[in-house]
Amino acid sequence: MTKLDSEELPKPFFITEGGPSADLPIHPHRTKSLPQILAGLTDGELARWPDALTDAERERRYRAIG
């Protein structure tokens, strides 16, 4: 067996030009957390959401009112 010289080893390949391929789907990402979204809803909009998701926001609003 012979020892390979570091110059003989394959070099890693990096794509440096252009963006992602056009045939790849766009990844979903979020820019707000659920509490931020709920805080931006009106009372009527919040009433249409399931109770399990909105209980904390309703409680925060009731405490703010007094």
N, C-alpha and C. Protein backbone atom coordinates (compact mmCIF):
# COMPACT_ATOMS: atom_id res chain seq x y z
N MET A 1 0.83 -1.19 0.00
CA MET A 1 0.00 0.00 0.00
C MET A 1 0.87 1.24 0.00
N THR A 2 0.41 2.22 -0.70
CA THR A 2 1.15 3.47 -0.72
C THR A 2 0.35 4.54 -0.02
N LYS A 3 1.04 5.46 0.56
CA LYS A 3 0.39 6.56 1.26
C LYS A 3 0.05 7.64 0.23
N LEU A 4 -1.20 8.11 0.26
CA LEU A 4 -1.62 9.14 -0.67
C LEU A 4 -1.13 10.50 -0.21
N ASP A 5 -0.66 11.27 -1.15
CA ASP A 5 -0.25 12.64 -0.86
C ASP A 5 -1.51 13.48 -0.75
N SER A 6 -1.50 14.52 0.10
CA SER A 6 -2.70 15.34 0.29
C SER A 6 -3.13 16.02 -1.01
N GLU A 7 -2.23 16.21 -1.94
CA GLU A 7 -2.58 16.82 -3.21
C GLU A 7 -3.34 15.85 -4.11
N GLU A 8 -3.23 14.57 -3.85
CA GLU A 8 -3.91 13.56 -4.65
C GLU A 8 -5.33 13.29 -4.17
N LEU A 9 -5.67 13.69 -2.94
CA LEU A 9 -7.00 13.45 -2.40
C LEU A 9 -8.01 14.37 -3.07
N PRO A 10 -9.23 13.88 -3.24
CA PRO A 10 -10.25 14.74 -3.87
C PRO A 10 -10.57 15.93 -2.97
N LYS A 11 -10.80 17.05 -3.59
CA LYS A 11 -11.12 18.28 -2.86
C LYS A 11 -12.64 18.37 -2.67
N PRO A 12 -13.09 18.96 -1.57
CA PRO A 12 -14.54 19.13 -1.40
C PRO A 12 -15.08 20.09 -2.46
N PHE A 13 -16.33 19.86 -2.83
CA PHE A 13 -16.97 20.67 -3.86
C PHE A 13 -18.02 21.56 -3.21
N PHE A 14 -17.93 22.86 -3.44
CA PHE A 14 -18.89 23.82 -2.93
C PHE A 14 -19.50 24.59 -4.09
N ILE A 15 -20.81 24.73 -4.06
CA ILE A 15 -21.47 25.54 -5.08
C ILE A 15 -21.41 26.98 -4.59
N THR A 16 -20.74 27.82 -5.35
CA THR A 16 -20.57 29.20 -4.91
C THR A 16 -21.31 30.19 -5.78
N GLU A 17 -21.78 29.78 -6.92
CA GLU A 17 -22.47 30.70 -7.80
C GLU A 17 -23.95 30.34 -7.88
N GLY A 18 -24.78 31.36 -7.98
CA GLY A 18 -26.21 31.13 -8.13
C GLY A 18 -26.85 30.80 -6.79
N GLY A 19 -28.16 30.83 -6.80
CA GLY A 19 -28.92 30.53 -5.60
C GLY A 19 -29.36 29.08 -5.58
N PRO A 20 -30.33 28.79 -4.74
CA PRO A 20 -30.83 27.41 -4.68
C PRO A 20 -31.55 27.03 -5.97
N SER A 21 -31.61 25.79 -6.21
CA SER A 21 -32.26 25.29 -7.42
C SER A 21 -33.73 25.69 -7.43
N ALA A 22 -34.25 26.04 -8.59
CA ALA A 22 -35.63 26.49 -8.72
C ALA A 22 -36.64 25.36 -8.50
N ASP A 23 -36.20 24.11 -8.59
CA ASP A 23 -37.14 23.00 -8.42
C ASP A 23 -37.27 22.56 -6.97
N LEU A 24 -36.56 23.20 -6.04
CA LEU A 24 -36.69 22.86 -4.63
C LEU A 24 -37.86 23.64 -4.03
N PRO A 25 -38.62 23.00 -3.13
CA PRO A 25 -39.74 23.73 -2.51
C PRO A 25 -39.21 24.79 -1.56
N ILE A 26 -40.01 25.82 -1.36
CA ILE A 26 -39.65 26.88 -0.41
C ILE A 26 -39.89 26.35 1.00
N HIS A 27 -38.91 26.49 1.86
CA HIS A 27 -39.05 26.01 3.23
C HIS A 27 -39.94 26.94 4.02
N PRO A 28 -40.86 26.37 4.81
CA PRO A 28 -41.67 27.25 5.65
C PRO A 28 -40.81 27.81 6.78
N HIS A 29 -41.10 29.01 7.15
CA HIS A 29 -40.39 29.62 8.27
C HIS A 29 -41.35 30.53 8.99
N ARG A 30 -41.06 30.76 10.23
CA ARG A 30 -41.95 31.66 10.97
C ARG A 30 -41.17 32.88 11.39
N THR A 31 -41.87 33.98 11.42
CA THR A 31 -41.24 35.22 11.83
C THR A 31 -41.82 35.73 13.15
N LYS A 32 -42.91 35.11 13.61
CA LYS A 32 -43.54 35.49 14.87
C LYS A 32 -43.87 34.24 15.67
N SER A 33 -43.90 34.38 16.97
CA SER A 33 -44.32 33.27 17.83
C SER A 33 -45.84 33.31 17.96
N LEU A 34 -46.42 32.23 18.44
CA LEU A 34 -47.87 32.17 18.61
C LEU A 34 -48.38 33.26 19.55
N PRO A 35 -47.74 33.53 20.69
CA PRO A 35 -48.22 34.63 21.53
C PRO A 35 -48.21 35.99 20.81
N GLN A 36 -47.23 36.22 19.96
CA GLN A 36 -47.20 37.48 19.19
C GLN A 36 -48.36 37.55 18.20
N ILE A 37 -48.66 36.43 17.57
CA ILE A 37 -49.78 36.40 16.61
C ILE A 37 -51.09 36.64 17.34
N LEU A 38 -51.29 35.95 18.46
CA LEU A 38 -52.54 36.10 19.21
C LEU A 38 -52.70 37.51 19.76
N ALA A 39 -51.61 38.14 20.17
CA ALA A 39 -51.67 39.49 20.70
C ALA A 39 -52.11 40.48 19.62
N GLY A 40 -51.87 40.18 18.37
CA GLY A 40 -52.25 41.07 17.28
C GLY A 40 -53.68 40.90 16.81
N LEU A 41 -54.39 39.91 17.33
CA LEU A 41 -55.77 39.66 16.92
C LEU A 41 -56.74 40.54 17.70
N THR A 42 -57.83 40.89 17.07
CA THR A 42 -58.90 41.59 17.79
C THR A 42 -59.61 40.59 18.68
N ASP A 43 -60.47 41.08 19.58
CA ASP A 43 -61.21 40.17 20.46
C ASP A 43 -62.11 39.24 19.66
N GLY A 44 -62.72 39.76 18.60
CA GLY A 44 -63.58 38.93 17.75
C GLY A 44 -62.80 37.83 17.03
N GLU A 45 -61.64 38.17 16.52
CA GLU A 45 -60.80 37.16 15.85
C GLU A 45 -60.30 36.13 16.86
N LEU A 46 -59.95 36.60 18.04
CA LEU A 46 -59.45 35.69 19.07
C LEU A 46 -60.54 34.72 19.51
N ALA A 47 -61.79 35.16 19.50
CA ALA A 47 -62.91 34.31 19.92
C ALA A 47 -63.10 33.14 18.98
N ARG A 48 -62.67 33.25 17.73
CA ARG A 48 -62.84 32.16 16.77
C ARG A 48 -61.76 31.09 16.88
N TRP A 49 -60.69 31.37 17.64
CA TRP A 49 -59.61 30.39 17.81
C TRP A 49 -60.00 29.39 18.90
N PRO A 50 -59.44 28.16 18.83
CA PRO A 50 -59.73 27.17 19.87
C PRO A 50 -59.26 27.65 21.25
N ASP A 51 -60.06 27.33 22.28
CA ASP A 51 -59.75 27.78 23.64
C ASP A 51 -58.38 27.34 24.12
N ALA A 52 -57.97 26.14 23.78
CA ALA A 52 -56.69 25.62 24.27
C ALA A 52 -55.52 26.50 23.82
N LEU A 53 -55.63 27.13 22.66
CA LEU A 53 -54.55 27.97 22.16
C LEU A 53 -54.62 29.40 22.70
N THR A 54 -55.81 29.87 23.01
CA THR A 54 -55.97 31.29 23.33
C THR A 54 -56.20 31.59 24.79
N ASP A 55 -56.26 30.60 25.66
CA ASP A 55 -56.52 30.84 27.08
C ASP A 55 -55.51 31.81 27.69
N ALA A 56 -54.25 31.64 27.40
CA ALA A 56 -53.21 32.50 27.99
C ALA A 56 -53.36 33.95 27.50
N GLU A 57 -53.70 34.14 26.24
CA GLU A 57 -53.87 35.50 25.73
C GLU A 57 -55.10 36.16 26.33
N ARG A 58 -56.20 35.41 26.47
CA ARG A 58 -57.39 35.97 27.09
C ARG A 58 -57.11 36.37 28.54
N GLU A 59 -56.39 35.52 29.26
CA GLU A 59 -56.03 35.81 30.65
C GLU A 59 -55.17 37.08 30.72
N ARG A 60 -54.24 37.22 29.81
CA ARG A 60 -53.37 38.42 29.79
C ARG A 60 -54.22 39.68 29.54
N ARG A 61 -55.19 39.58 28.65
CA ARG A 61 -56.04 40.73 28.35
C ARG A 61 -56.93 41.09 29.53
N TYR A 62 -57.47 40.08 30.23
CA TYR A 62 -58.31 40.35 31.38
C TYR A 62 -57.52 41.00 32.51
N ARG A 63 -56.26 40.57 32.71
CA ARG A 63 -55.41 41.19 33.73
C ARG A 63 -55.06 42.62 33.37
N ALA A 64 -54.91 42.90 32.08
CA ALA A 64 -54.56 44.26 31.65
C ALA A 64 -55.73 45.23 31.86
N ILE A 65 -56.94 44.72 31.73
CA ILE A 65 -58.12 45.56 31.92
C ILE A 65 -58.31 45.89 33.40
N GLY A 66 -58.02 44.95 34.25
CA GLY A 66 -58.11 45.27 35.67
C GLY A 66 -58.87 44.28 36.38
